[in-house]
Amino acid sequence: MKYSFNLEWSELSEELREKKIDEHIAYLFENNDLEMYSGKWKTLDDALEDLHLRDEVEEKIQMYFPIYF
């Protein structure tokens, strides 16, 4: 028997959403892909603490939701 459901970004726990945002920022920082966002960050900690960057990354991540299983 097959089951299917969709997962919305807003249905994820706040903790999981924050973790996914952190992971994406870390990935972008490690691959020098932060240029597409406004601002320059010298360290990963600076990037992770930038609220404007976090909002931009969250908006980008939301584009991939809902996820259908």
PDB file of N, CA and C in Angstrom:
ATOM      1  N   MET A   1       0.846  -1.168   0.000  1.00  0.00           N
ATOM      2  CA  MET A   1       0.000   0.000   0.000  1.00  0.00           C
ATOM      3  C   MET A   1       0.896   1.238   0.000  1.00  0.00           C
ATOM      4  N   LYS A   2       0.577   2.186  -0.855  1.00  0.00           N
ATOM      5  CA  LYS A   2       1.362   3.420  -0.949  1.00  0.00           C
ATOM      6  C   LYS A   2       0.643   4.540  -0.216  1.00  0.00           C
ATOM      7  N   TYR A   3       1.436   5.337   0.478  1.00  0.00           N
ATOM      8  CA  TYR A   3       0.920   6.504   1.187  1.00  0.00           C
ATOM      9  C   TYR A   3       1.572   7.747   0.602  1.00  0.00           C
ATOM     10  N   SER A   4       0.875   8.830   0.645  1.00  0.00           N
ATOM     11  CA  SER A   4       1.477  10.080   0.207  1.00  0.00           C
ATOM     12  C   SER A   4       0.993  11.212   1.105  1.00  0.00           C
ATOM     13  N   PHE A   5       1.831  12.190   1.267  1.00  0.00           N
ATOM     14  CA  PHE A   5       1.471  13.374   2.029  1.00  0.00           C
ATOM     15  C   PHE A   5       2.400  14.501   1.608  1.00  0.00           C
ATOM     16  N   ASN A   6       2.037  15.705   1.948  1.00  0.00           N
ATOM     17  CA  ASN A   6       2.925  16.822   1.657  1.00  0.00           C
ATOM     18  C   ASN A   6       3.342  17.476   2.961  1.00  0.00           C
ATOM     19  N   LEU A   7       4.509  18.029   2.932  1.00  0.00           N
ATOM     20  CA  LEU A   7       5.108  18.638   4.102  1.00  0.00           C
ATOM     21  C   LEU A   7       5.324  20.116   3.819  1.00  0.00           C
ATOM     22  N   GLU A   8       4.708  20.956   4.607  1.00  0.00           N
ATOM     23  CA  GLU A   8       4.834  22.408   4.466  1.00  0.00           C
ATOM     24  C   GLU A   8       5.944  22.920   5.387  1.00  0.00           C
ATOM     25  N   TRP A   9       6.629  23.965   4.950  1.00  0.00           N
ATOM     26  CA  TRP A   9       7.687  24.581   5.762  1.00  0.00           C
ATOM     27  C   TRP A   9       7.160  25.003   7.125  1.00  0.00           C
ATOM     28  N   SER A  10       5.978  25.572   7.154  1.00  0.00           N
ATOM     29  CA  SER A  10       5.404  26.062   8.411  1.00  0.00           C
ATOM     30  C   SER A  10       5.058  24.930   9.371  1.00  0.00           C
ATOM     31  N   GLU A  11       4.974  23.720   8.872  1.00  0.00           N
ATOM     32  CA  GLU A  11       4.649  22.573   9.724  1.00  0.00           C
ATOM     33  C   GLU A  11       5.869  22.010  10.434  1.00  0.00           C
ATOM     34  N   LEU A  12       7.054  22.413   9.994  1.00  0.00           N
ATOM     35  CA  LEU A  12       8.268  21.972  10.671  1.00  0.00           C
ATOM     36  C   LEU A  12       8.400  22.718  11.992  1.00  0.00           C
ATOM     37  N   SER A  13       9.036  22.087  12.951  1.00  0.00           N
ATOM     38  CA  SER A  13       9.254  22.756  14.226  1.00  0.00           C
ATOM     39  C   SER A  13      10.212  23.927  14.028  1.00  0.00           C
ATOM     40  N   GLU A  14      10.114  24.910  14.883  1.00  0.00           N
ATOM     41  CA  GLU A  14      11.002  26.087  14.807  1.00  0.00           C
ATOM     42  C   GLU A  14      12.459  25.648  14.888  1.00  0.00           C
ATOM     43  N   GLU A  15      12.728  24.674  15.739  1.00  0.00           N
ATOM     44  CA  GLU A  15      14.089  24.173  15.916  1.00  0.00           C
ATOM     45  C   GLU A  15      14.616  23.566  14.618  1.00  0.00           C
ATOM     46  N   LEU A  16      13.790  22.791  13.937  1.00  0.00           N
ATOM     47  CA  LEU A  16      14.218  22.174  12.683  1.00  0.00           C
ATOM     48  C   LEU A  16      14.384  23.206  11.576  1.00  0.00           C
ATOM     49  N   ARG A  17      13.504  24.192  11.524  1.00  0.00           N
ATOM     50  CA  ARG A  17      13.644  25.255  10.521  1.00  0.00           C
ATOM     51  C   ARG A  17      14.952  26.006  10.734  1.00  0.00           C
ATOM     52  N   GLU A  18      15.259  26.361  11.990  1.00  0.00           N
ATOM     53  CA  GLU A  18      16.504  27.079  12.295  1.00  0.00           C
ATOM     54  C   GLU A  18      17.716  26.239  11.928  1.00  0.00           C
ATOM     55  N   LYS A  19      17.653  24.944  12.190  1.00  0.00           N
ATOM     56  CA  LYS A  19      18.760  24.050  11.859  1.00  0.00           C
ATOM     57  C   LYS A  19      18.972  24.009  10.347  1.00  0.00           C
ATOM     58  N   LYS A  20      17.893  23.924   9.574  1.00  0.00           N
ATOM     59  CA  LYS A  20      18.005  23.889   8.112  1.00  0.00           C
ATOM     60  C   LYS A  20      18.570  25.203   7.574  1.00  0.00           C
ATOM     61  N   ILE A  21      18.178  26.317   8.156  1.00  0.00           N
ATOM     62  CA  ILE A  21      18.716  27.616   7.746  1.00  0.00           C
ATOM     63  C   ILE A  21      20.211  27.672   8.047  1.00  0.00           C
ATOM     64  N   ASP A  22      20.602  27.253   9.256  1.00  0.00           N
ATOM     65  CA  ASP A  22      22.021  27.231   9.627  1.00  0.00           C
ATOM     66  C   ASP A  22      22.835  26.356   8.669  1.00  0.00           C
ATOM     67  N   GLU A  23      22.298  25.177   8.351  1.00  0.00           N
ATOM     68  CA  GLU A  23      23.001  24.265   7.453  1.00  0.00           C
ATOM     69  C   GLU A  23      23.171  24.878   6.066  1.00  0.00           C
ATOM     70  N   HIS A  24      22.150  25.551   5.593  1.00  0.00           N
ATOM     71  CA  HIS A  24      22.230  26.149   4.260  1.00  0.00           C
ATOM     72  C   HIS A  24      23.221  27.311   4.238  1.00  0.00           C
ATOM     73  N   ILE A  25      23.209  28.135   5.262  1.00  0.00           N
ATOM     74  CA  ILE A  25      24.175  29.245   5.343  1.00  0.00           C
ATOM     75  C   ILE A  25      25.593  28.687   5.416  1.00  0.00           C
ATOM     76  N   ALA A  26      25.806  27.654   6.223  1.00  0.00           N
ATOM     77  CA  ALA A  26      27.137  27.045   6.333  1.00  0.00           C
ATOM     78  C   ALA A  26      27.583  26.485   4.981  1.00  0.00           C
ATOM     79  N   TYR A  27      26.676  25.846   4.267  1.00  0.00           N
ATOM     80  CA  TYR A  27      26.989  25.319   2.939  1.00  0.00           C
ATOM     81  C   TYR A  27      27.389  26.448   1.988  1.00  0.00           C
ATOM     82  N   LEU A  28      26.602  27.521   1.976  1.00  0.00           N
ATOM     83  CA  LEU A  28      26.897  28.661   1.111  1.00  0.00           C
ATOM     84  C   LEU A  28      28.244  29.287   1.467  1.00  0.00           C
ATOM     85  N   PHE A  29      28.510  29.429   2.765  1.00  0.00           N
ATOM     86  CA  PHE A  29      29.766  30.029   3.225  1.00  0.00           C
ATOM     87  C   PHE A  29      30.956  29.171   2.803  1.00  0.00           C
ATOM     88  N   GLU A  30      30.858  27.863   3.002  1.00  0.00           N
ATOM     89  CA  GLU A  30      31.963  26.960   2.675  1.00  0.00           C
ATOM     90  C   GLU A  30      32.243  26.925   1.175  1.00  0.00           C
ATOM     91  N   ASN A  31      31.212  27.155   0.370  1.00  0.00           N
ATOM     92  CA  ASN A  31      31.368  27.104  -1.084  1.00  0.00           C
ATOM     93  C   ASN A  31      31.495  28.489  -1.713  1.00  0.00           C
ATOM     94  N   ASN A  32      31.699  29.497  -0.868  1.00  0.00           N
ATOM     95  CA  ASN A  32      31.857  30.886  -1.334  1.00  0.00           C
ATOM     96  C   ASN A  32      30.697  31.332  -2.224  1.00  0.00           C
ATOM     97  N   ASP A  33      29.490  30.923  -1.873  1.00  0.00           N
ATOM     98  CA  ASP A  33      28.301  31.270  -2.653  1.00  0.00           C
ATOM     99  C   ASP A  33      27.453  32.347  -1.997  1.00  0.00           C
ATOM    100  N   LEU A  34      27.992  33.062  -1.027  1.00  0.00           N
ATOM    101  CA  LEU A  34      27.213  34.098  -0.348  1.00  0.00           C
ATOM    102  C   LEU A  34      27.173  35.405  -1.132  1.00  0.00           C
ATOM    103  N   GLU A  35      27.918  35.483  -2.234  1.00  0.00           N
ATOM    104  CA  GLU A  35      27.951  36.720  -3.016  1.00  0.00           C
ATOM    105  C   GLU A  35      26.570  37.088  -3.554  1.00  0.00           C
ATOM    106  N   MET A  36      25.712  36.091  -3.761  1.00  0.00           N
ATOM    107  CA  MET A  36      24.387  36.380  -4.320  1.00  0.00           C
ATOM    108  C   MET A  36      23.482  37.081  -3.305  1.00  0.00           C
ATOM    109  N   TYR A  37      23.914  37.127  -2.060  1.00  0.00           N
ATOM    110  CA  TYR A  37      23.172  37.811  -1.008  1.00  0.00           C
ATOM    111  C   TYR A  37      23.858  39.134  -0.705  1.00  0.00           C
ATOM    112  N   SER A  38      23.092  40.080  -0.225  1.00  0.00           N
ATOM    113  CA  SER A  38      23.678  41.377   0.094  1.00  0.00           C
ATOM    114  C   SER A  38      24.557  41.270   1.334  1.00  0.00           C
ATOM    115  N   GLY A  39      25.701  41.900   1.292  1.00  0.00           N
ATOM    116  CA  GLY A  39      26.583  41.909   2.455  1.00  0.00           C
ATOM    117  C   GLY A  39      27.775  40.990   2.287  1.00  0.00           C
ATOM    118  N   LYS A  40      28.768  41.214   3.138  1.00  0.00           N
ATOM    119  CA  LYS A  40      29.983  40.394   3.155  1.00  0.00           C
ATOM    120  C   LYS A  40      30.206  39.921   4.582  1.00  0.00           C
ATOM    121  N   TRP A  41      30.579  38.677   4.730  1.00  0.00           N
ATOM    122  CA  TRP A  41      30.802  38.115   6.052  1.00  0.00           C
ATOM    123  C   TRP A  41      32.207  37.532   6.102  1.00  0.00           C
ATOM    124  N   LYS A  42      32.926  37.884   7.157  1.00  0.00           N
ATOM    125  CA  LYS A  42      34.301  37.408   7.291  1.00  0.00           C
ATOM    126  C   LYS A  42      34.350  36.011   7.893  1.00  0.00           C
ATOM    127  N   THR A  43      33.397  35.713   8.769  1.00  0.00           N
ATOM    128  CA  THR A  43      33.384  34.393   9.403  1.00  0.00           C
ATOM    129  C   THR A  43      32.002  33.777   9.275  1.00  0.00           C
ATOM    130  N   LEU A  44      31.949  32.474   9.456  1.00  0.00           N
ATOM    131  CA  LEU A  44      30.667  31.775   9.421  1.00  0.00           C
ATOM    132  C   LEU A  44      29.761  32.264  10.540  1.00  0.00           C
ATOM    133  N   ASP A  45      30.326  32.528  11.713  1.00  0.00           N
ATOM    134  CA  ASP A  45      29.519  33.022  12.829  1.00  0.00           C
ATOM    135  C   ASP A  45      28.845  34.347  12.492  1.00  0.00           C
ATOM    136  N   ASP A  46      29.571  35.236  11.798  1.00  0.00           N
ATOM    137  CA  ASP A  46      28.976  36.504  11.362  1.00  0.00           C
ATOM    138  C   ASP A  46      27.791  36.251  10.445  1.00  0.00           C
ATOM    139  N   ALA A  47      27.952  35.329   9.521  1.00  0.00           N
ATOM    140  CA  ALA A  47      26.878  35.015   8.575  1.00  0.00           C
ATOM    141  C   ALA A  47      25.683  34.401   9.293  1.00  0.00           C
ATOM    142  N   LEU A  48      25.945  33.497  10.229  1.00  0.00           N
ATOM    143  CA  LEU A  48      24.849  32.831  10.948  1.00  0.00           C
ATOM    144  C   LEU A  48      24.058  33.802  11.817  1.00  0.00           C
ATOM    145  N   GLU A  49      24.691  34.872  12.276  1.00  0.00           N
ATOM    146  CA  GLU A  49      24.020  35.828  13.157  1.00  0.00           C
ATOM    147  C   GLU A  49      23.312  36.950  12.403  1.00  0.00           C
ATOM    148  N   ASP A  50      23.533  37.058  11.108  1.00  0.00           N
ATOM    149  CA  ASP A  50      22.930  38.124  10.308  1.00  0.00           C
ATOM    150  C   ASP A  50      21.455  37.812  10.055  1.00  0.00           C
ATOM    151  N   LEU A  51      20.573  38.575  10.680  1.00  0.00           N
ATOM    152  CA  LEU A  51      19.134  38.307  10.578  1.00  0.00           C
ATOM    153  C   LEU A  51      18.604  38.521   9.168  1.00  0.00           C
ATOM    154  N   HIS A  52      19.146  39.515   8.466  1.00  0.00           N
ATOM    155  CA  HIS A  52      18.700  39.760   7.087  1.00  0.00           C
ATOM    156  C   HIS A  52      19.051  38.563   6.197  1.00  0.00           C
ATOM    157  N   LEU A  53      20.266  38.046   6.354  1.00  0.00           N
ATOM    158  CA  LEU A  53      20.684  36.872   5.592  1.00  0.00           C
ATOM    159  C   LEU A  53      19.802  35.680   5.935  1.00  0.00           C
ATOM    160  N   ARG A  54      19.516  35.494   7.219  1.00  0.00           N
ATOM    161  CA  ARG A  54      18.669  34.371   7.638  1.00  0.00           C
ATOM    162  C   ARG A  54      17.299  34.458   6.971  1.00  0.00           C
ATOM    163  N   ASP A  55      16.737  35.666   6.908  1.00  0.00           N
ATOM    164  CA  ASP A  55      15.433  35.845   6.260  1.00  0.00           C
ATOM    165  C   ASP A  55      15.513  35.507   4.772  1.00  0.00           C
ATOM    166  N   GLU A  56      16.574  35.957   4.110  1.00  0.00           N
ATOM    167  CA  GLU A  56      16.731  35.681   2.680  1.00  0.00           C
ATOM    168  C   GLU A  56      16.880  34.182   2.421  1.00  0.00           C
ATOM    169  N   VAL A  57      17.668  33.520   3.238  1.00  0.00           N
ATOM    170  CA  VAL A  57      17.885  32.083   3.065  1.00  0.00           C
ATOM    171  C   VAL A  57      16.593  31.322   3.347  1.00  0.00           C
ATOM    172  N   GLU A  58      15.867  31.728   4.375  1.00  0.00           N
ATOM    173  CA  GLU A  58      14.604  31.055   4.680  1.00  0.00           C
ATOM    174  C   GLU A  58      13.628  31.205   3.512  1.00  0.00           C
ATOM    175  N   GLU A  59      13.588  32.382   2.926  1.00  0.00           N
ATOM    176  CA  GLU A  59      12.706  32.612   1.774  1.00  0.00           C
ATOM    177  C   GLU A  59      13.089  31.695   0.609  1.00  0.00           C
ATOM    178  N   LYS A  60      14.384  31.531   0.390  1.00  0.00           N
ATOM    179  CA  LYS A  60      14.848  30.654  -0.681  1.00  0.00           C
ATOM    180  C   LYS A  60      14.475  29.203  -0.392  1.00  0.00           C
ATOM    181  N   ILE A  61      14.662  28.766   0.842  1.00  0.00           N
ATOM    182  CA  ILE A  61      14.331  27.392   1.217  1.00  0.00           C
ATOM    183  C   ILE A  61      12.839  27.135   1.039  1.00  0.00           C
ATOM    184  N   GLN A  62      12.014  28.101   1.392  1.00  0.00           N
ATOM    185  CA  GLN A  62      10.565  27.941   1.288  1.00  0.00           C
ATOM    186  C   GLN A  62      10.116  27.705  -0.144  1.00  0.00           C
ATOM    187  N   MET A  63      10.896  28.127  -1.111  1.00  0.00           N
ATOM    188  CA  MET A  63      10.535  27.922  -2.514  1.00  0.00           C
ATOM    189  C   MET A  63      10.447  26.436  -2.856  1.00  0.00           C
ATOM    190  N   TYR A  64      11.131  25.595  -2.086  1.00  0.00           N
ATOM    191  CA  TYR A  64      11.145  24.155  -2.356  1.00  0.00           C
ATOM    192  C   TYR A  64      10.043  23.418  -1.620  1.00  0.00           C
ATOM    193  N   PHE A  65       9.211  24.117  -0.902  1.00  0.00           N
ATOM    194  CA  PHE A  65       8.107  23.503  -0.181  1.00  0.00           C
ATOM    195  C   PHE A  65       6.811  23.835  -0.889  1.00  0.00           C
ATOM    196  N   PRO A  66       5.778  23.022  -0.817  1.00  0.00           N
ATOM    197  CA  PRO A  66       5.708  21.786  -0.051  1.00  0.00           C
ATOM    198  C   PRO A  66       6.473  20.657  -0.717  1.00  0.00           C
ATOM    199  N   ILE A  67       6.882  19.740   0.107  1.00  0.00           N
ATOM    200  CA  ILE A  67       7.544  18.527  -0.374  1.00  0.00           C
ATOM    201  C   ILE A  67       6.505  17.411  -0.372  1.00  0.00           C
ATOM    202  N   TYR A  68       6.412  16.712  -1.448  1.00  0.00           N
ATOM    203  CA  TYR A  68       5.425  15.638  -1.565  1.00  0.00           C
ATOM    204  C   TYR A  68       6.136  14.292  -1.433  1.00  0.00           C
ATOM    205  N   PHE A  69       5.564  13.427  -0.618  1.00  0.00           N
ATOM    206  CA  PHE A  69       6.105  12.079  -0.432  1.00  0.00           C
ATOM    207  C   PHE A  69       5.103  11.067  -0.941  1.00  0.00           C
TER     208      PHE A  69
END
